[in-house]
Structure formats: C-alpha cells, structure tokens
Amino acid sequence: MTIALERPVGTTDPITLVDPEVMSRLVRRVTTDHAEISNQTAQRIIGQAAAFIAASGKEPGRNLVPSELVDYGWHAFILHTVDYAAFCERVAGRFVHHVPTDEEEQTPSSAATARERTVAAIAVAGYTVDTELWNSAADCNQCHAGCHDSPKSG
C-alpha cells in the first residue's frame, strides 16, 4: 500500500506564498529595522516567516516557535496588519496570533526542542526549510504587547 501526500514534504518554496508587492514592503521593513541584513536575506527571512505562519495555522496548540531571524520577518508582517490578516486567512484559514512565552517556560533545551518541532512541521506542511535561518530560537519571553523587540514596560 502506497500513501500519497497531498504535497511532498518540503518541496514548495515558501517565498511563493507572499504576493510580490507585499514581499517588497516586508523586505523594506526588515532591512530598515536590521541594517545588517541584505535584501536577498530579508526575502529568505520573509519566506521562512510565511512558512512558519502557514505551519502554525495548521498546527494550533502545537507551540511552534520562530528562529531569531524568522521572528524579524514575522514581526515585519504583523506590522502590516491588513496584509498579515489576509495572508493568515489564505494560508491558515484563521488569524495566527503572536503569543509570547512566559519567562519560566523558556529553557535552552525546550527552545531547541520547539525549534526542531517547528522545522519539522514546516517540512511536513510541504515547505522548503532554509536551515541557515533556523540556528537559534527567538527569545520571546521579554515581550509586552506581543513584540519580541519591545522594551519591558514598567
């Protein structure tokens, strides 16, 4: 008995999920916020953020986490709320919320496990994983207002 997958594991370039006009806006945001990142790398980051959002939307409650670099792309997308909401609805069928982890939930081993779980979920969802962008999990435990780069409020 052969089981055919709807989409072979890890074969779709997730950059194709993002409208070119939206991609251009998001690349500009990433490179403005992170001057050390090139346009080409920013495009790769947005692609992996798109795959992360799509996989997260299909795996609710699975606690998937972005890498530090992919988090830059996710945050750029979230800032463009109209584009982000439409994208979520199209790829996940629902809005994918940014829910930061509590400080006591974040340990180095749990972060590594969550990153591995996330990369696997992206591949199973059918998207190519750009492994160079998944070296470290994002530190989302200092968030207020759901933003990794936000300062703590007093």
Protein backbone atom coordinates (compact mmCIF):
# COMPACT_ATOMS: atom_id res chain seq x y z
CA MET A 1 0.00 0.00 0.00
CA THR A 2 1.37 3.40 -1.01
CA ILE A 3 0.30 6.57 0.73
CA ALA A 4 0.46 9.70 -1.41
CA LEU A 5 0.89 13.01 0.32
CA GLU A 6 -1.10 15.96 -0.92
CA ARG A 7 2.20 17.80 -1.29
CA PRO A 8 5.58 16.09 -0.99
CA VAL A 9 7.43 17.00 2.19
CA GLY A 10 9.46 20.20 1.95
CA THR A 11 9.11 20.91 -1.77
CA THR A 12 7.36 24.28 -2.07
CA ASP A 13 9.44 27.45 -1.82
CA PRO A 14 7.51 29.45 0.80
CA ILE A 15 8.52 32.73 -0.87
CA THR A 16 5.83 31.90 -3.42
CA LEU A 17 3.20 32.25 -0.68
CA VAL A 18 3.76 36.01 -0.41
CA ASP A 19 2.44 38.43 -3.01
CA PRO A 20 5.40 40.23 -4.68
CA GLU A 21 4.11 43.69 -3.68
CA VAL A 22 3.71 42.58 -0.06
CA MET A 23 7.14 40.93 -0.20
CA SER A 24 8.67 44.21 -1.31
CA ARG A 25 7.10 46.08 1.64
CA LEU A 26 8.20 43.43 4.12
CA VAL A 27 11.76 43.28 2.79
CA ARG A 28 11.98 47.07 3.15
CA ARG A 29 10.77 46.82 6.75
CA VAL A 30 13.25 44.08 7.68
CA THR A 31 16.21 45.88 6.08
CA THR A 32 15.19 49.19 7.67
CA ASP A 33 14.91 47.63 11.13
CA HIS A 34 18.02 45.47 10.69
CA ALA A 35 20.53 47.35 8.52
CA GLU A 36 22.98 44.40 8.59
CA ILE A 37 20.52 42.24 6.61
CA SER A 38 20.67 42.33 2.80
CA ASN A 39 17.58 42.45 0.58
CA GLN A 40 18.21 38.86 -0.54
CA THR A 41 18.49 37.59 3.04
CA ALA A 42 15.41 39.60 4.04
CA GLN A 43 13.45 37.91 1.24
CA ARG A 44 14.57 34.49 2.52
CA ILE A 45 13.55 35.54 6.06
CA ILE A 46 10.09 36.59 4.86
CA GLY A 47 9.72 33.28 3.02
CA GLN A 48 10.54 31.31 6.16
CA ALA A 49 8.22 33.52 8.21
CA ALA A 50 5.46 32.74 5.69
CA ALA A 51 6.13 29.00 6.05
CA PHE A 52 6.18 29.36 9.84
CA ILE A 53 2.84 31.20 9.84
CA ALA A 54 1.28 28.62 7.50
CA ALA A 55 2.53 25.69 9.59
CA SER A 56 1.47 27.39 12.84
CA GLY A 57 -2.01 27.98 11.49
CA LYS A 58 -2.36 24.33 10.57
CA GLU A 59 -0.97 23.12 13.91
CA PRO A 60 -2.86 25.14 16.55
CA GLY A 61 -1.77 24.42 20.09
CA ARG A 62 1.46 22.77 18.94
CA ASN A 63 3.68 25.59 20.31
CA LEU A 64 5.72 26.25 17.20
CA VAL A 65 8.38 28.96 17.53
CA PRO A 66 10.30 31.07 15.01
CA SER A 67 14.06 31.36 14.93
CA GLU A 68 15.52 34.73 15.84
CA LEU A 69 15.88 35.69 12.15
CA VAL A 70 12.47 34.33 11.15
CA ASP A 71 10.98 36.33 14.01
CA TYR A 72 12.22 39.50 12.27
CA GLY A 73 10.11 38.53 9.26
CA TRP A 74 7.10 37.63 11.36
CA HIS A 75 7.23 40.97 13.16
CA ALA A 76 7.56 42.85 9.88
CA PHE A 77 4.47 41.00 8.64
CA ILE A 78 2.49 41.69 11.81
CA LEU A 79 3.15 45.43 11.44
CA HIS A 80 1.34 45.30 8.09
CA THR A 81 -1.92 44.22 9.69
CA VAL A 82 -4.13 44.21 6.59
CA ASP A 83 -1.62 42.14 4.61
CA TYR A 84 -0.97 39.88 7.61
CA ALA A 85 -4.64 39.20 8.33
CA ALA A 86 -5.37 38.42 4.66
CA PHE A 87 -2.30 36.15 4.45
CA CYS A 88 -3.27 34.24 7.59
CA GLU A 89 -6.78 33.70 6.32
CA ARG A 90 -5.48 32.48 2.95
CA VAL A 91 -2.77 30.08 4.18
CA ALA A 92 -4.16 29.01 7.56
CA GLY A 93 -7.88 29.71 7.38
CA ARG A 94 -7.63 31.82 10.53
CA PHE A 95 -5.63 34.61 12.15
CA VAL A 96 -2.34 33.35 13.61
CA HIS A 97 -1.69 35.26 16.83
CA HIS A 98 1.72 36.12 18.25
CA VAL A 99 1.71 34.70 21.77
CA PRO A 100 5.00 35.23 23.61
CA THR A 101 6.25 32.59 26.01
CA ASP A 102 6.39 33.18 29.74
CA GLU A 103 9.90 33.55 31.14
CA GLU A 104 9.60 30.38 33.21
CA GLU A 105 8.55 28.39 30.13
CA GLN A 106 11.72 29.24 28.20
CA THR A 107 14.73 26.97 28.77
CA PRO A 108 17.59 26.27 26.35
CA SER A 109 16.54 22.64 25.89
CA SER A 110 12.86 23.49 25.43
CA ALA A 111 13.79 26.18 22.89
CA ALA A 112 15.87 23.70 20.88
CA THR A 113 13.09 21.11 21.03
CA ALA A 114 10.50 23.67 19.95
CA ARG A 115 12.72 24.81 17.06
CA GLU A 116 13.14 21.19 15.89
CA ARG A 117 9.38 20.64 16.17
CA THR A 118 8.76 23.83 14.16
CA VAL A 119 11.20 22.97 11.36
CA ALA A 120 9.65 19.50 11.10
CA ALA A 121 6.12 20.98 10.96
CA ILE A 122 7.16 23.35 8.16
CA ALA A 123 8.63 20.49 6.13
CA VAL A 124 5.58 18.27 6.70
CA ALA A 125 3.36 21.18 5.59
CA GLY A 126 5.25 20.94 2.30
CA TYR A 127 7.57 23.95 2.50
CA THR A 128 11.30 24.06 1.95
CA VAL A 129 13.22 24.86 5.14
CA ASP A 130 16.10 27.32 4.77
CA THR A 131 18.24 25.74 7.51
CA GLU A 132 20.68 28.68 7.66
CA LEU A 133 17.86 30.81 9.08
CA TRP A 134 16.92 28.36 11.85
CA ASN A 135 20.07 28.37 14.00
CA SER A 136 18.52 29.76 17.18
CA ALA A 137 15.04 30.13 18.61
CA ALA A 138 13.71 33.63 19.14
CA ASP A 139 13.64 34.92 22.70
CA CYS A 140 10.02 35.93 23.07
CA ASN A 141 9.86 35.95 26.84
CA GLN A 142 10.51 39.67 27.29
CA CYS A 143 7.51 40.67 25.24
CA HIS A 144 4.92 43.18 26.15
CA ALA A 145 2.26 43.95 23.60
CA GLY A 146 3.29 40.75 21.80
CA CYS A 147 6.56 42.01 20.38
CA HIS A 148 9.99 40.37 20.80
CA ASP A 149 11.91 43.61 20.28
CA SER A 150 9.73 45.70 22.57
CA PRO A 151 11.26 47.04 25.75
CA LYS A 152 9.68 45.91 29.01
CA SER A 153 7.28 48.45 30.35
CA GLY A 154 7.47 49.40 33.98
